[in-house]
């Protein structure tokens, strides 16, 4: 159910692209299972939420670590494909990874890395939704896997 809602949110954001291109920002709470930055596994530092941003035809999933590093998997929403035959609800192509790193002086350095990758929304157990992003760049592999949980009370 949440997977379908998640996919619907993405499609709604894409359909608004022809208008004034408003920014839609969704904060999703849950459990970060994987965070790999430039080939280095930093999963223990991954935050308890991800941000899904949709503006015009562009959508991104932002994973944040406790040291202030943010990895954004970004792509256009239009070519999203259903992948039922391989057990995946949808596949969102990713054309860029935006790496934001907080320096010792508090300043933020941002690099946009062109890539070919994807965010998948695999089937999950009831009340859960999973986002699994992966992309290879000239600086190495980037991955993020995050599972949300329904906030409905038990027994609902």
N, C-alpha and C. Protein backbone atom coordinates (compact mmCIF):
# COMPACT_ATOMS: atom_id res chain seq x y z
N UNK A 1 0.82 -1.19 0.00
CA UNK A 1 0.00 0.00 0.00
C UNK A 1 0.87 1.26 0.00
N UNK A 2 1.85 1.34 0.92
CA UNK A 2 2.71 2.51 0.96
C UNK A 2 3.52 2.64 -0.31
N UNK A 3 3.91 1.52 -0.90
CA UNK A 3 4.67 1.57 -2.14
C UNK A 3 3.84 2.22 -3.22
N UNK A 4 2.59 1.87 -3.30
CA UNK A 4 1.72 2.45 -4.31
C UNK A 4 1.48 3.94 -4.03
N UNK A 5 1.33 4.30 -2.77
CA UNK A 5 1.17 5.71 -2.41
C UNK A 5 2.43 6.48 -2.79
N UNK A 6 3.57 5.90 -2.50
CA UNK A 6 4.85 6.51 -2.82
C UNK A 6 4.96 6.75 -4.32
N UNK A 7 4.63 5.75 -5.12
CA UNK A 7 4.67 5.87 -6.57
C UNK A 7 3.68 6.91 -7.05
N UNK A 8 2.50 6.95 -6.45
CA UNK A 8 1.48 7.93 -6.80
C UNK A 8 1.99 9.34 -6.53
N UNK A 9 2.67 9.56 -5.39
CA UNK A 9 3.23 10.88 -5.09
C UNK A 9 4.21 11.31 -6.17
N UNK A 10 5.02 10.39 -6.63
CA UNK A 10 5.98 10.72 -7.69
C UNK A 10 5.26 11.10 -8.98
N UNK A 11 4.25 10.35 -9.33
CA UNK A 11 3.52 10.62 -10.57
C UNK A 11 2.75 11.93 -10.48
N UNK A 12 2.19 12.25 -9.33
CA UNK A 12 1.50 13.52 -9.15
C UNK A 12 2.48 14.67 -9.34
N UNK A 13 3.65 14.54 -8.77
CA UNK A 13 4.68 15.57 -8.93
C UNK A 13 5.05 15.76 -10.38
N UNK A 14 5.14 14.67 -11.13
CA UNK A 14 5.48 14.75 -12.54
C UNK A 14 4.36 15.41 -13.33
N UNK A 15 3.11 15.13 -13.01
CA UNK A 15 1.98 15.71 -13.74
C UNK A 15 1.87 17.21 -13.52
N UNK A 16 2.41 17.71 -12.43
CA UNK A 16 2.39 19.15 -12.16
C UNK A 16 3.47 19.89 -12.94
N UNK A 17 4.31 19.18 -13.66
CA UNK A 17 5.45 19.80 -14.34
C UNK A 17 5.04 20.82 -15.38
N UNK A 18 3.91 20.65 -16.01
CA UNK A 18 3.49 21.57 -17.06
C UNK A 18 3.06 22.92 -16.49
N UNK A 19 2.78 22.98 -15.22
CA UNK A 19 2.34 24.23 -14.60
C UNK A 19 3.55 24.99 -14.06
N UNK A 20 3.42 25.67 -12.96
CA UNK A 20 4.44 26.56 -12.41
C UNK A 20 5.63 25.82 -11.79
N UNK A 21 5.67 24.53 -11.87
CA UNK A 21 6.73 23.70 -11.33
C UNK A 21 6.98 23.95 -9.84
N UNK A 22 5.94 23.71 -9.02
CA UNK A 22 6.12 23.89 -7.58
C UNK A 22 7.06 22.82 -7.03
N UNK A 23 7.63 23.13 -5.89
CA UNK A 23 8.51 22.19 -5.21
C UNK A 23 7.68 21.41 -4.20
N UNK A 24 7.72 20.09 -4.29
CA UNK A 24 7.05 19.22 -3.32
C UNK A 24 8.14 18.49 -2.56
N UNK A 25 8.08 18.56 -1.25
CA UNK A 25 9.11 17.94 -0.41
C UNK A 25 8.43 17.04 0.61
N UNK A 26 8.76 15.76 0.58
CA UNK A 26 8.19 14.77 1.50
C UNK A 26 9.30 14.19 2.35
N UNK A 27 9.14 14.27 3.67
CA UNK A 27 10.09 13.66 4.59
C UNK A 27 9.51 12.33 5.03
N UNK A 28 10.26 11.26 4.79
CA UNK A 28 9.81 9.91 5.11
C UNK A 28 10.64 9.37 6.26
N UNK A 29 9.99 8.91 7.30
CA UNK A 29 10.67 8.37 8.48
C UNK A 29 10.71 6.85 8.39
N UNK A 30 11.75 6.28 8.96
CA UNK A 30 11.88 4.83 8.95
C UNK A 30 13.28 4.40 9.31
N UNK A 31 13.78 3.39 8.59
CA UNK A 31 15.09 2.80 8.87
C UNK A 31 15.96 2.83 7.63
N UNK A 32 17.13 3.42 7.76
CA UNK A 32 18.11 3.38 6.68
C UNK A 32 18.89 2.08 6.83
N UNK A 33 18.85 1.27 5.80
CA UNK A 33 19.52 -0.02 5.84
C UNK A 33 20.91 0.02 5.23
N UNK A 34 21.08 0.87 4.19
CA UNK A 34 22.35 0.94 3.48
C UNK A 34 22.63 2.37 3.07
N UNK A 35 23.87 2.80 3.26
CA UNK A 35 24.34 4.06 2.69
C UNK A 35 25.80 3.85 2.30
N UNK A 36 26.07 3.94 1.00
CA UNK A 36 27.42 3.79 0.47
C UNK A 36 27.75 5.09 -0.25
N UNK A 37 28.86 5.73 0.14
CA UNK A 37 29.28 7.00 -0.44
C UNK A 37 30.64 6.80 -1.11
N UNK A 38 30.66 6.94 -2.43
CA UNK A 38 31.89 6.79 -3.21
C UNK A 38 32.59 5.46 -2.89
N UNK A 39 31.81 4.39 -2.81
CA UNK A 39 32.35 3.06 -2.58
C UNK A 39 32.62 2.72 -1.13
N UNK A 40 32.40 3.67 -0.21
CA UNK A 40 32.66 3.44 1.21
C UNK A 40 31.34 3.25 1.97
N UNK A 41 31.21 2.14 2.67
CA UNK A 41 29.99 1.84 3.43
C UNK A 41 29.95 2.69 4.70
N UNK A 42 28.98 3.61 4.76
CA UNK A 42 28.80 4.46 5.94
C UNK A 42 27.41 4.23 6.53
N UNK A 43 26.87 3.04 6.33
CA UNK A 43 25.52 2.71 6.78
C UNK A 43 25.25 3.02 8.25
N UNK A 44 26.20 2.79 9.17
CA UNK A 44 25.91 3.10 10.58
C UNK A 44 25.63 4.58 10.85
N UNK A 45 26.05 5.47 9.95
CA UNK A 45 25.85 6.91 10.15
C UNK A 45 24.58 7.42 9.48
N UNK A 46 23.86 6.57 8.77
CA UNK A 46 22.70 6.99 8.00
C UNK A 46 21.55 7.43 8.91
N UNK A 47 20.86 8.49 8.52
CA UNK A 47 19.78 9.06 9.32
C UNK A 47 18.51 8.23 9.33
N UNK A 48 17.55 8.68 10.15
CA UNK A 48 16.27 7.97 10.32
C UNK A 48 15.18 8.51 9.41
N UNK A 49 15.57 9.31 8.41
CA UNK A 49 14.58 9.80 7.45
C UNK A 49 15.29 10.03 6.12
N UNK A 50 14.49 10.03 5.05
CA UNK A 50 14.97 10.46 3.75
C UNK A 50 13.99 11.52 3.26
N UNK A 51 14.46 12.31 2.32
CA UNK A 51 13.62 13.36 1.75
C UNK A 51 13.41 13.04 0.28
N UNK A 52 12.14 13.06 -0.14
CA UNK A 52 11.78 12.91 -1.55
C UNK A 52 11.35 14.29 -2.02
N UNK A 53 12.05 14.82 -3.02
CA UNK A 53 11.74 16.14 -3.56
C UNK A 53 11.33 15.99 -5.01
N UNK A 54 10.24 16.67 -5.37
CA UNK A 54 9.77 16.67 -6.75
C UNK A 54 9.59 18.12 -7.17
N UNK A 55 10.23 18.48 -8.28
CA UNK A 55 10.03 19.81 -8.86
C UNK A 55 10.03 19.67 -10.37
N UNK A 56 8.90 20.02 -10.94
CA UNK A 56 8.77 19.84 -12.39
C UNK A 56 8.89 18.37 -12.74
N UNK A 57 9.77 18.07 -13.67
CA UNK A 57 9.97 16.69 -14.09
C UNK A 57 11.09 16.00 -13.33
N UNK A 58 11.70 16.69 -12.38
CA UNK A 58 12.85 16.16 -11.64
C UNK A 58 12.41 15.67 -10.27
N UNK A 59 12.90 14.49 -9.90
CA UNK A 59 12.62 13.96 -8.57
C UNK A 59 13.93 13.46 -7.97
N UNK A 60 14.03 13.55 -6.63
CA UNK A 60 15.25 13.06 -5.98
C UNK A 60 14.91 12.41 -4.66
N UNK A 61 15.81 11.52 -4.23
CA UNK A 61 15.75 10.89 -2.92
C UNK A 61 17.05 11.23 -2.22
N UNK A 62 16.94 11.88 -1.07
CA UNK A 62 18.11 12.40 -0.34
C UNK A 62 18.35 11.60 0.93
N UNK A 63 19.52 10.97 1.01
CA UNK A 63 19.96 10.21 2.17
C UNK A 63 20.98 11.05 2.91
N UNK A 64 20.88 11.14 4.24
CA UNK A 64 21.78 11.97 5.02
C UNK A 64 22.48 11.15 6.09
N UNK A 65 23.76 11.45 6.30
CA UNK A 65 24.52 10.78 7.36
C UNK A 65 24.70 11.74 8.53
N UNK A 66 25.08 11.20 9.66
CA UNK A 66 25.22 12.00 10.89
C UNK A 66 26.35 13.02 10.81
N UNK A 67 27.29 12.88 9.86
CA UNK A 67 28.37 13.86 9.72
C UNK A 67 27.99 15.03 8.81
N UNK A 68 26.73 15.06 8.36
CA UNK A 68 26.27 16.15 7.52
C UNK A 68 26.36 15.89 6.03
N UNK A 69 26.84 14.72 5.63
CA UNK A 69 26.92 14.37 4.21
C UNK A 69 25.52 14.01 3.72
N UNK A 70 25.17 14.51 2.53
CA UNK A 70 23.90 14.17 1.90
C UNK A 70 24.17 13.62 0.51
N UNK A 71 23.53 12.52 0.19
CA UNK A 71 23.61 11.92 -1.14
C UNK A 71 22.21 11.98 -1.74
N UNK A 72 22.09 12.71 -2.87
CA UNK A 72 20.80 12.84 -3.55
C UNK A 72 20.86 12.06 -4.86
N UNK A 73 19.95 11.13 -5.02
CA UNK A 73 19.80 10.38 -6.26
C UNK A 73 18.72 11.09 -7.06
N UNK A 74 19.07 11.67 -8.21
CA UNK A 74 18.16 12.56 -8.93
C UNK A 74 17.95 12.10 -10.37
N UNK A 75 16.71 12.20 -10.83
CA UNK A 75 16.38 11.85 -12.21
C UNK A 75 15.06 12.46 -12.61
N UNK A 76 14.73 12.31 -13.88
CA UNK A 76 13.44 12.81 -14.33
C UNK A 76 12.39 11.74 -14.06
N UNK A 77 11.21 12.17 -13.69
CA UNK A 77 10.15 11.23 -13.34
C UNK A 77 9.44 10.61 -14.51
N UNK A 78 9.53 11.21 -15.69
CA UNK A 78 8.77 10.75 -16.84
C UNK A 78 9.06 9.31 -17.25
N UNK A 79 10.32 8.85 -17.28
CA UNK A 79 10.54 7.51 -17.79
C UNK A 79 10.36 6.39 -16.77
N UNK A 80 9.69 6.68 -15.65
CA UNK A 80 9.51 5.64 -14.64
C UNK A 80 8.78 4.45 -15.24
N UNK A 81 9.28 3.27 -15.00
CA UNK A 81 8.73 2.05 -15.60
C UNK A 81 8.27 1.08 -14.52
N UNK A 82 7.13 0.44 -14.78
CA UNK A 82 6.71 -0.67 -13.92
C UNK A 82 7.55 -1.88 -14.29
N UNK A 83 7.94 -2.66 -13.30
CA UNK A 83 8.80 -3.81 -13.53
C UNK A 83 8.19 -5.05 -12.88
N UNK A 84 6.90 -5.24 -13.05
CA UNK A 84 6.21 -6.33 -12.36
C UNK A 84 6.82 -7.70 -12.63
N UNK A 85 7.30 -7.90 -13.84
CA UNK A 85 7.80 -9.22 -14.19
C UNK A 85 9.05 -9.61 -13.41
N UNK A 86 9.74 -8.65 -12.82
CA UNK A 86 10.92 -8.99 -12.02
C UNK A 86 10.69 -8.74 -10.53
N UNK A 87 9.43 -8.55 -10.13
CA UNK A 87 9.10 -8.40 -8.72
C UNK A 87 9.35 -7.02 -8.15
N UNK A 88 9.47 -6.01 -9.01
CA UNK A 88 9.69 -4.64 -8.56
C UNK A 88 8.51 -3.81 -9.01
N UNK A 89 7.94 -3.02 -8.09
CA UNK A 89 6.79 -2.19 -8.45
C UNK A 89 7.14 -1.12 -9.47
N UNK A 90 8.24 -0.42 -9.30
CA UNK A 90 8.61 0.65 -10.22
C UNK A 90 10.11 0.84 -10.21
N UNK A 91 10.60 1.43 -11.29
CA UNK A 91 12.02 1.72 -11.43
C UNK A 91 12.15 3.17 -11.87
N UNK A 92 12.83 3.99 -11.09
CA UNK A 92 13.04 5.40 -11.39
C UNK A 92 14.46 5.61 -11.85
N UNK A 93 14.68 5.93 -13.14
CA UNK A 93 16.05 6.18 -13.59
C UNK A 93 16.69 7.37 -12.86
N UNK A 94 17.99 7.27 -12.61
CA UNK A 94 18.76 8.32 -11.96
C UNK A 94 19.85 8.76 -12.93
N UNK A 95 19.93 10.07 -13.17
CA UNK A 95 20.94 10.59 -14.10
C UNK A 95 22.03 11.39 -13.40
N UNK A 96 21.82 11.69 -12.11
CA UNK A 96 22.82 12.45 -11.36
C UNK A 96 22.80 12.06 -9.89
N UNK A 97 23.99 12.08 -9.30
CA UNK A 97 24.11 11.96 -7.84
C UNK A 97 24.68 13.29 -7.38
N UNK A 98 24.00 13.92 -6.44
CA UNK A 98 24.47 15.19 -5.90
C UNK A 98 25.01 14.90 -4.50
N UNK A 99 26.30 15.12 -4.34
CA UNK A 99 26.98 14.83 -3.09
C UNK A 99 27.26 16.15 -2.38
N UNK A 100 26.69 16.32 -1.19
CA UNK A 100 26.90 17.51 -0.37
C UNK A 100 27.66 17.09 0.88
N UNK A 101 28.81 17.72 1.11
CA UNK A 101 29.67 17.36 2.24
C UNK A 101 29.90 18.59 3.10
N UNK A 102 29.67 18.43 4.40
CA UNK A 102 29.90 19.52 5.34
C UNK A 102 31.36 19.50 5.76
N UNK A 103 32.06 20.63 5.56
CA UNK A 103 33.47 20.73 5.90
C UNK A 103 33.67 21.07 7.36
N UNK A 104 34.92 21.01 7.84
CA UNK A 104 35.24 21.31 9.24
C UNK A 104 34.88 22.75 9.63
N UNK A 105 34.87 23.66 8.64
CA UNK A 105 34.52 25.06 8.92
C UNK A 105 33.02 25.31 8.87
N UNK A 106 32.23 24.25 8.61
CA UNK A 106 30.78 24.37 8.53
C UNK A 106 30.27 24.66 7.14
N UNK A 107 31.18 24.97 6.22
CA UNK A 107 30.79 25.21 4.83
C UNK A 107 30.40 23.91 4.14
N UNK A 108 29.56 24.03 3.12
CA UNK A 108 29.09 22.85 2.40
C UNK A 108 29.64 22.86 0.98
N UNK A 109 30.24 21.74 0.59
CA UNK A 109 30.74 21.55 -0.77
C UNK A 109 29.76 20.63 -1.49
N UNK A 110 29.34 21.04 -2.67
CA UNK A 110 28.36 20.26 -3.42
C UNK A 110 28.95 19.88 -4.78
N UNK A 111 28.91 18.57 -5.10
CA UNK A 111 29.36 18.06 -6.39
C UNK A 111 28.20 17.35 -7.07
N UNK A 112 28.00 17.65 -8.35
CA UNK A 112 27.00 16.94 -9.14
C UNK A 112 27.76 15.96 -10.03
N UNK A 113 27.47 14.69 -9.83
CA UNK A 113 28.14 13.61 -10.55
C UNK A 113 27.16 12.98 -11.53
N UNK A 114 27.48 13.02 -12.81
CA UNK A 114 26.61 12.40 -13.81
C UNK A 114 26.75 10.88 -13.69
N UNK A 115 25.64 10.20 -13.90
CA UNK A 115 25.64 8.76 -13.68
C UNK A 115 24.53 8.08 -14.46
N UNK A 116 24.58 6.78 -14.46
CA UNK A 116 23.47 5.96 -14.89
C UNK A 116 23.16 5.08 -13.70
N UNK A 117 21.96 5.20 -13.19
CA UNK A 117 21.58 4.42 -12.03
C UNK A 117 20.07 4.37 -11.93
N UNK A 118 19.57 3.94 -10.78
CA UNK A 118 18.12 3.86 -10.61
C UNK A 118 17.76 3.81 -9.13
N UNK A 119 16.53 4.17 -8.87
CA UNK A 119 15.90 3.93 -7.57
C UNK A 119 14.78 2.95 -7.84
N UNK A 120 14.76 1.89 -7.07
CA UNK A 120 13.74 0.85 -7.20
C UNK A 120 12.82 0.93 -6.01
N UNK A 121 11.61 0.46 -6.19
CA UNK A 121 10.63 0.42 -5.13
C UNK A 121 10.12 -1.02 -5.02
N UNK A 122 10.95 -1.90 -4.44
CA UNK A 122 10.58 -3.32 -4.39
C UNK A 122 9.36 -3.55 -3.50
N UNK A 123 8.69 -4.64 -3.80
CA UNK A 123 7.54 -5.03 -2.98
C UNK A 123 7.99 -5.22 -1.54
N UNK A 124 7.19 -4.73 -0.60
CA UNK A 124 7.52 -4.82 0.82
C UNK A 124 6.36 -5.46 1.56
N UNK A 125 6.59 -5.77 2.82
CA UNK A 125 5.52 -6.33 3.64
C UNK A 125 4.47 -5.25 3.90
N UNK A 126 3.26 -5.63 4.29
CA UNK A 126 2.19 -4.65 4.53
C UNK A 126 2.63 -3.58 5.54
N UNK A 127 2.28 -2.32 5.24
CA UNK A 127 2.61 -1.23 6.14
C UNK A 127 4.02 -0.70 5.97
N UNK A 128 4.74 -1.21 4.98
CA UNK A 128 6.12 -0.77 4.74
C UNK A 128 6.29 -0.38 3.28
N UNK A 129 7.29 0.46 3.04
CA UNK A 129 7.65 0.84 1.69
C UNK A 129 9.16 0.96 1.64
N UNK A 130 9.78 0.46 0.58
CA UNK A 130 11.24 0.48 0.48
C UNK A 130 11.66 1.26 -0.76
N UNK A 131 12.72 2.06 -0.60
CA UNK A 131 13.37 2.77 -1.69
C UNK A 131 14.80 2.25 -1.72
N UNK A 132 15.24 1.77 -2.87
CA UNK A 132 16.61 1.25 -3.01
C UNK A 132 17.26 1.91 -4.21
N UNK A 133 18.21 2.81 -3.96
CA UNK A 133 18.87 3.55 -5.03
C UNK A 133 20.31 3.08 -5.18
N UNK A 134 20.80 3.08 -6.42
CA UNK A 134 22.19 2.71 -6.69
C UNK A 134 22.64 3.40 -7.96
N UNK A 135 23.88 3.88 -7.94
CA UNK A 135 24.44 4.54 -9.12
C UNK A 135 25.96 4.46 -9.07
N UNK A 136 26.55 4.27 -10.24
CA UNK A 136 28.00 4.28 -10.37
C UNK A 136 28.43 5.60 -10.99
N UNK A 137 29.42 6.25 -10.38
CA UNK A 137 29.92 7.53 -10.87
C UNK A 137 31.42 7.46 -11.04
N UNK A 138 32.01 8.54 -11.55
CA UNK A 138 33.46 8.59 -11.69
C UNK A 138 34.16 8.59 -10.33
N UNK A 139 33.42 8.88 -9.24
CA UNK A 139 33.99 8.85 -7.88
C UNK A 139 33.67 7.56 -7.14
N UNK A 140 33.04 6.60 -7.82
CA UNK A 140 32.74 5.33 -7.19
C UNK A 140 31.24 5.07 -7.09
N UNK A 141 30.92 4.01 -6.40
CA UNK A 141 29.53 3.55 -6.26
C UNK A 141 28.83 4.30 -5.12
N UNK A 142 27.56 4.65 -5.36
CA UNK A 142 26.70 5.26 -4.36
C UNK A 142 25.45 4.39 -4.24
N UNK A 143 25.06 4.09 -3.00
CA UNK A 143 23.87 3.28 -2.76
C UNK A 143 23.14 3.81 -1.54
N UNK A 144 21.84 3.63 -1.54
CA UNK A 144 21.03 3.94 -0.37
C UNK A 144 19.80 3.08 -0.38
N UNK A 145 19.51 2.45 0.75
CA UNK A 145 18.29 1.65 0.89
C UNK A 145 17.60 2.10 2.17
N UNK A 146 16.31 2.41 2.05
CA UNK A 146 15.56 2.96 3.17
C UNK A 146 14.19 2.31 3.19
N UNK A 147 13.71 1.93 4.39
CA UNK A 147 12.39 1.33 4.53
C UNK A 147 11.57 2.17 5.49
N UNK A 148 10.40 2.58 5.01
CA UNK A 148 9.47 3.32 5.85
C UNK A 148 8.54 2.34 6.53
N UNK A 149 7.92 2.79 7.59
CA UNK A 149 6.92 1.97 8.29
C UNK A 149 5.67 2.81 8.46
N UNK A 150 4.53 2.18 8.35
CA UNK A 150 3.27 2.87 8.54
C UNK A 150 3.16 3.36 9.97
N UNK A 151 2.57 4.55 10.15
CA UNK A 151 2.38 5.09 11.48
C UNK A 151 1.02 4.72 12.06
N UNK A 152 0.31 3.84 11.36
CA UNK A 152 -1.01 3.39 11.85
C UNK A 152 -0.82 2.58 13.11
N UNK A 153 -1.78 2.68 13.99
CA UNK A 153 -1.73 1.91 15.23
C UNK A 153 -1.82 0.43 14.94
N UNK A 154 -1.18 -0.42 15.76
CA UNK A 154 -1.28 -1.86 15.55
C UNK A 154 -2.74 -2.30 15.57
N UNK A 155 -3.03 -3.26 14.70
CA UNK A 155 -4.38 -3.81 14.65
C UNK A 155 -5.26 -3.10 13.65
N UNK A 156 -4.74 -2.09 12.96
CA UNK A 156 -5.53 -1.37 11.96
C UNK A 156 -5.33 -1.94 10.61
